[in-house]
């Protein structure tokens, strides 16, 4: 079961948050001893529902909430909205406070992972742990941004059917090195049907505006400011290389490392069981440390 909770982000942007669990756990700090508050942050172009399988097993023991970030999912997509890094971080901060999750564990994929560690650096009082899934700390540069702009233009939208979406993103997309059904499913989740066919729920221009606020800069300094336990997770075939991931762990004051075999960038989609095995011990350790602190 997932129930929607509206959150007001910075600048008055309306955000949709989705709490998983039946019944929901309302106050992890006082009503459920040992229960973690967990905020799940998707990557660029993603949506809260991408976390559904993760959130369901999390909700067996914790209070798990996934956020549709601005410009994504069912959250506001106003052309006048701010798509800076500060806006994304402030939105996550507002979600933690309005949902009563703090101090929480932040689990982020790609862009959502950057938001997570930037918030942990900014507001350590709100964050007790961070899981960083396949996000680089180094600058990607202008060539990367041009590649993304050209990639969006290559999409054969509108798609006639969801089967066409799955096939193009899972097989025909030039960025696909080998057939990947999980990738096709991932993108099918961010399409909605219009009169002329299936189109993305987001505006590609807003995605590029969001992306350009981080691709030109490195983010090592913010990593070094994360004082809570942090786990860096990468898929063996993902975008985050092993050497950079291990350097991120070294820079993090309390960093740990995990990798998932047979997984690419979409680790939690490619290998959900391997993903769970990688992060569950970390969550247990964060919870145990919290329990010990209350004794």
Protein backbone atom coordinates (compact mmCIF):
# COMPACT_ATOMS: atom_id res chain seq x y z
CA UNK A 1 0.00 0.00 0.00
CA UNK A 2 1.19 3.53 -0.77
CA UNK A 3 -0.53 6.70 0.29
CA UNK A 4 0.16 10.13 -1.10
CA UNK A 5 1.18 13.01 1.16
CA UNK A 6 1.54 16.50 -0.29
CA UNK A 7 4.65 18.44 0.71
CA UNK A 8 5.34 22.12 0.10
CA UNK A 9 8.81 22.63 -1.30
CA UNK A 10 10.87 25.77 -1.53
CA UNK A 11 9.18 28.58 -3.46
CA UNK A 12 5.80 26.99 -2.75
CA UNK A 13 6.31 24.13 -5.23
CA UNK A 14 3.87 21.28 -4.54
CA UNK A 15 5.61 17.95 -4.14
CA UNK A 16 4.05 14.49 -3.99
CA UNK A 17 5.46 12.09 -1.40
CA UNK A 18 4.44 8.45 -1.18
CA UNK A 19 4.49 6.53 2.09
CA UNK A 20 4.73 2.77 1.85
CA UNK A 21 3.48 0.40 4.51
CA UNK A 22 0.23 -1.03 5.84
CA UNK A 23 -0.47 0.41 8.31
CA UNK A 24 1.82 3.46 7.95
CA UNK A 25 4.31 4.10 10.77
CA UNK A 26 3.57 7.62 11.90
CA UNK A 27 6.33 8.57 14.33
CA UNK A 28 9.52 6.52 14.25
CA UNK A 29 11.11 8.56 17.00
CA UNK A 30 8.53 7.81 19.68
CA UNK A 31 6.07 5.13 18.64
CA UNK A 32 8.29 2.47 17.07
CA UNK A 33 11.50 1.96 19.00
CA UNK A 34 14.29 1.03 16.58
CA UNK A 35 12.36 2.13 13.51
CA UNK A 36 14.24 4.30 11.04
CA UNK A 37 12.71 7.12 9.07
CA UNK A 38 13.85 6.65 5.45
CA UNK A 39 13.51 9.15 2.61
CA UNK A 40 14.07 7.76 -0.89
CA UNK A 41 15.23 10.15 -3.60
CA UNK A 42 15.09 9.06 -7.26
CA UNK A 43 17.49 10.14 -9.97
CA UNK A 44 17.04 12.51 -12.90
CA UNK A 45 13.91 11.59 -14.92
CA UNK A 46 12.87 9.14 -12.19
CA UNK A 47 9.87 9.09 -9.90
CA UNK A 48 8.94 7.84 -6.46
CA UNK A 49 7.37 4.64 -7.83
CA UNK A 50 10.81 3.50 -9.00
CA UNK A 51 11.47 2.80 -5.32
CA UNK A 52 8.35 0.67 -4.82
CA UNK A 53 10.08 -2.69 -4.37
CA UNK A 54 12.73 -1.22 -2.07
CA UNK A 55 10.18 0.73 -0.06
CA UNK A 56 7.97 -2.30 0.44
CA UNK A 57 10.64 -4.36 2.17
CA UNK A 58 11.87 -1.31 4.06
CA UNK A 59 8.36 -0.67 5.37
CA UNK A 60 8.33 -4.04 7.11
CA UNK A 61 10.65 -2.53 9.75
CA UNK A 62 10.92 1.18 9.03
CA UNK A 63 8.94 4.21 7.92
CA UNK A 64 9.72 4.52 4.20
CA UNK A 65 8.69 7.55 2.14
CA UNK A 66 9.63 8.18 -1.50
CA UNK A 67 9.54 11.72 -2.89
CA UNK A 68 8.61 12.84 -6.39
CA UNK A 69 11.14 15.64 -6.74
CA UNK A 70 10.26 18.90 -8.47
CA UNK A 71 9.68 18.45 -12.19
CA UNK A 72 9.23 14.71 -11.74
CA UNK A 73 6.40 12.23 -11.23
CA UNK A 74 3.28 13.91 -9.88
CA UNK A 75 5.06 16.91 -8.41
CA UNK A 76 4.78 20.39 -9.90
CA UNK A 77 6.45 21.09 -13.25
CA UNK A 78 5.91 24.83 -13.52
CA UNK A 79 8.09 26.50 -16.19
CA UNK A 80 8.79 29.24 -13.64
CA UNK A 81 10.09 26.85 -10.99
CA UNK A 82 13.67 26.92 -9.76
CA UNK A 83 15.70 23.84 -10.76
CA UNK A 84 18.93 24.67 -8.95
CA UNK A 85 20.79 22.31 -6.63
CA UNK A 86 19.72 24.49 -3.73
CA UNK A 87 16.06 24.04 -4.63
CA UNK A 88 16.33 20.25 -4.74
CA UNK A 89 18.18 20.13 -1.43
CA UNK A 90 15.75 22.53 0.23
CA UNK A 91 12.84 20.40 -1.00
CA UNK A 92 14.31 17.28 0.62
CA UNK A 93 14.88 19.25 3.81
CA UNK A 94 11.25 20.42 3.77
CA UNK A 95 10.05 16.87 3.18
CA UNK A 96 11.96 15.53 6.19
CA UNK A 97 10.56 18.23 8.43
CA UNK A 98 6.97 18.18 7.18
CA UNK A 99 6.76 14.39 7.20
CA UNK A 100 8.33 14.08 10.65
CA UNK A 101 11.00 11.67 9.39
CA UNK A 102 14.09 13.29 10.86
CA UNK A 103 16.65 12.26 11.81
CA UNK A 104 16.38 9.99 8.80
CA UNK A 105 18.40 7.79 6.50
CA UNK A 106 18.52 9.21 2.99
CA UNK A 107 18.72 6.73 0.11
CA UNK A 108 19.47 8.37 -3.20
CA UNK A 109 20.05 7.17 -6.74
CA UNK A 110 22.16 9.28 -9.11
CA UNK A 111 20.95 12.90 -8.83
CA UNK A 112 18.98 11.91 -5.73
CA UNK A 113 22.21 10.66 -4.14
CA UNK A 114 23.84 14.04 -4.73
CA UNK A 115 20.85 15.72 -3.10
CA UNK A 116 21.18 13.31 -0.18
CA UNK A 117 24.83 14.01 0.57
CA UNK A 118 24.42 17.75 0.03
CA UNK A 119 21.58 17.80 2.55
CA UNK A 120 23.56 15.67 5.00
CA UNK A 121 26.38 18.21 4.77
CA UNK A 122 24.01 21.15 5.19
CA UNK A 123 21.77 19.77 7.95
CA UNK A 124 23.53 17.02 9.90
CA UNK A 125 20.85 17.24 12.57
CA UNK A 126 18.28 15.88 10.11
CA UNK A 127 20.30 12.96 8.71
CA UNK A 128 21.57 9.85 10.51
CA UNK A 129 22.79 7.95 7.48
CA UNK A 130 23.20 8.26 3.69
CA UNK A 131 23.19 5.63 0.95
CA UNK A 132 24.74 6.88 -2.30
CA UNK A 133 23.78 4.76 -5.31
CA UNK A 134 25.82 5.15 -8.51
CA UNK A 135 26.51 8.90 -8.42
CA UNK A 136 29.87 10.40 -9.30
CA UNK A 137 31.49 13.16 -7.26
CA UNK A 138 33.70 14.41 -10.10
CA UNK A 139 32.67 16.94 -12.72
CA UNK A 140 31.24 15.49 -15.93
CA UNK A 141 31.79 18.54 -18.14
CA UNK A 142 30.15 20.28 -21.07
CA UNK A 143 30.53 17.35 -23.46
CA UNK A 144 28.34 15.25 -21.20
CA UNK A 145 25.62 17.89 -21.23
CA UNK A 146 25.69 18.09 -25.03
CA UNK A 147 25.42 14.31 -25.26
CA UNK A 148 22.32 14.37 -23.06
CA UNK A 149 20.72 17.12 -25.14
CA UNK A 150 21.31 15.12 -28.32
CA UNK A 151 20.03 11.96 -26.63
CA UNK A 152 16.71 13.56 -25.73
CA UNK A 153 16.31 14.69 -29.34
CA UNK A 154 16.82 11.10 -30.52
CA UNK A 155 13.81 9.75 -28.64
CA UNK A 156 11.15 8.59 -31.14
CA UNK A 157 8.27 10.29 -29.28
CA UNK A 158 5.41 9.80 -29.15
CA UNK A 159 5.62 6.05 -28.64
CA UNK A 160 2.62 4.16 -29.96
CA UNK A 161 2.50 1.69 -27.07
CA UNK A 162 4.27 0.94 -23.79
CA UNK A 163 5.72 -2.12 -25.50
CA UNK A 164 7.44 0.26 -27.91
CA UNK A 165 8.80 2.22 -24.95
CA UNK A 166 10.22 -0.93 -23.39
CA UNK A 167 11.77 -2.09 -26.65
CA UNK A 168 13.39 1.23 -27.53
CA UNK A 169 14.93 1.90 -24.11
CA UNK A 170 15.72 -1.75 -23.49
CA UNK A 171 17.14 -2.63 -26.92
CA UNK A 172 17.13 0.04 -29.65
CA UNK A 173 18.44 3.11 -27.79
CA UNK A 174 22.01 3.79 -29.04
CA UNK A 175 23.09 4.15 -25.40
CA UNK A 176 22.18 0.49 -24.72
CA UNK A 177 25.24 -1.74 -25.04
CA UNK A 178 23.24 -4.97 -24.73
CA UNK A 179 19.51 -5.74 -24.26
CA UNK A 180 18.34 -4.67 -20.82
CA UNK A 181 14.72 -5.41 -19.93
CA UNK A 182 15.03 -3.64 -16.58
CA UNK A 183 15.98 -0.42 -18.35
CA UNK A 184 12.93 -0.72 -20.59
CA UNK A 185 10.70 -1.14 -17.54
CA UNK A 186 12.35 1.82 -15.82
CA UNK A 187 11.47 4.17 -18.67
CA UNK A 188 8.00 2.72 -19.17
CA UNK A 189 7.33 3.86 -15.60
CA UNK A 190 7.93 7.52 -16.53
CA UNK A 191 5.60 7.62 -19.54
CA UNK A 192 1.97 8.65 -19.65
CA UNK A 193 -0.59 8.35 -22.42
CA UNK A 194 -1.72 11.37 -24.38
CA UNK A 195 -3.94 11.68 -27.44
CA UNK A 196 -1.03 11.09 -29.83
CA UNK A 197 0.68 8.32 -27.86
CA UNK A 198 3.03 7.84 -24.90
CA UNK A 199 5.27 10.69 -23.78
CA UNK A 200 7.44 11.30 -20.70
CA UNK A 201 5.77 12.72 -17.59
CA UNK A 202 8.62 15.24 -17.34
CA UNK A 203 9.76 18.04 -19.63
CA UNK A 204 13.18 17.22 -21.15
CA UNK A 205 14.11 20.90 -21.01
CA UNK A 206 13.59 20.93 -17.26
CA UNK A 207 15.72 17.83 -16.92
CA UNK A 208 18.58 19.53 -18.77
CA UNK A 209 18.17 22.65 -16.61
CA UNK A 210 18.36 20.46 -13.51
CA UNK A 211 21.39 18.58 -14.77
CA UNK A 212 23.40 21.63 -15.79
CA UNK A 213 23.47 22.77 -12.16
CA UNK A 214 25.81 19.92 -11.17
CA UNK A 215 27.64 18.51 -14.23
CA UNK A 216 30.19 21.33 -14.45
CA UNK A 217 31.32 21.09 -10.83
CA UNK A 218 32.94 18.47 -8.64
CA UNK A 219 31.32 17.64 -5.29
CA UNK A 220 34.17 16.25 -3.20
CA UNK A 221 34.11 19.08 -0.68
CA UNK A 222 30.49 18.38 0.23
CA UNK A 223 31.27 14.68 0.61
CA UNK A 224 33.95 15.53 3.14
CA UNK A 225 31.35 17.43 5.18
CA UNK A 226 29.06 14.40 5.60
CA UNK A 227 29.61 13.35 9.23
CA UNK A 228 27.04 10.56 9.47
CA UNK A 229 27.62 6.97 8.28
CA UNK A 230 27.56 6.80 4.49
CA UNK A 231 27.46 3.83 2.11
CA UNK A 232 28.62 4.17 -1.50
CA UNK A 233 27.00 1.52 -3.73
CA UNK A 234 27.85 0.88 -7.36
CA UNK A 235 26.81 -1.63 -9.99
CA UNK A 236 29.79 -3.37 -11.57
CA UNK A 237 28.66 -2.05 -14.96
CA UNK A 238 27.37 1.29 -13.70
CA UNK A 239 28.49 4.85 -14.37
CA UNK A 240 30.44 5.15 -11.13
CA UNK A 241 33.81 3.44 -11.54
CA UNK A 242 35.38 1.41 -8.76
CA UNK A 243 38.38 3.71 -8.31
CA UNK A 244 36.21 6.82 -7.97
CA UNK A 245 33.77 5.03 -5.67
CA UNK A 246 36.59 3.95 -3.38
CA UNK A 247 38.00 7.48 -3.38
CA UNK A 248 34.55 8.75 -2.36
CA UNK A 249 34.60 6.28 0.53
CA UNK A 250 38.03 7.56 1.54
CA UNK A 251 36.87 11.19 1.47
CA UNK A 252 33.73 10.47 3.49
CA UNK A 253 34.59 10.64 7.20
CA UNK A 254 32.52 7.51 7.90
CA UNK A 255 32.32 5.98 4.45
CA UNK A 256 31.68 2.35 3.51
CA UNK A 257 31.66 0.59 0.14
CA UNK A 258 29.47 -2.00 -1.55
CA UNK A 259 29.07 -3.19 -5.10
CA UNK A 260 26.41 -5.26 -6.83
CA UNK A 261 27.32 -7.83 -9.47
CA UNK A 262 25.52 -7.95 -12.83
CA UNK A 263 24.08 -4.47 -12.27
CA UNK A 264 24.43 -1.28 -14.27
CA UNK A 265 23.44 2.27 -13.41
CA UNK A 266 19.91 1.21 -12.35
CA UNK A 267 21.22 -0.98 -9.55
CA UNK A 268 17.94 -1.31 -7.64
CA UNK A 269 16.10 -2.21 -10.87
CA UNK A 270 18.73 -4.50 -12.38
CA UNK A 271 19.40 -6.59 -9.28
CA UNK A 272 16.83 -5.92 -6.53
CA UNK A 273 17.99 -8.84 -4.38
CA UNK A 274 21.66 -7.86 -4.70
CA UNK A 275 20.72 -4.27 -3.92
CA UNK A 276 18.90 -5.32 -0.76
CA UNK A 277 21.81 -7.50 0.32
CA UNK A 278 24.17 -4.54 -0.16
CA UNK A 279 22.24 -1.96 1.86
CA UNK A 280 20.35 -3.89 4.54
CA UNK A 281 23.41 -4.51 6.79
CA UNK A 282 24.19 -0.78 6.68
CA UNK A 283 20.63 0.10 7.70
CA UNK A 284 20.76 -2.43 10.53
CA UNK A 285 24.01 -0.90 11.78
CA UNK A 286 22.57 2.63 11.70
CA UNK A 287 19.49 1.44 13.55
CA UNK A 288 21.57 -0.41 16.15
CA UNK A 289 23.72 2.65 16.73
CA UNK A 290 20.58 4.68 17.32
CA UNK A 291 19.23 2.09 19.75
CA UNK A 292 22.50 2.11 21.68
CA UNK A 293 22.36 5.89 21.89
CA UNK A 294 18.96 5.73 23.55
CA UNK A 295 20.09 3.29 26.27
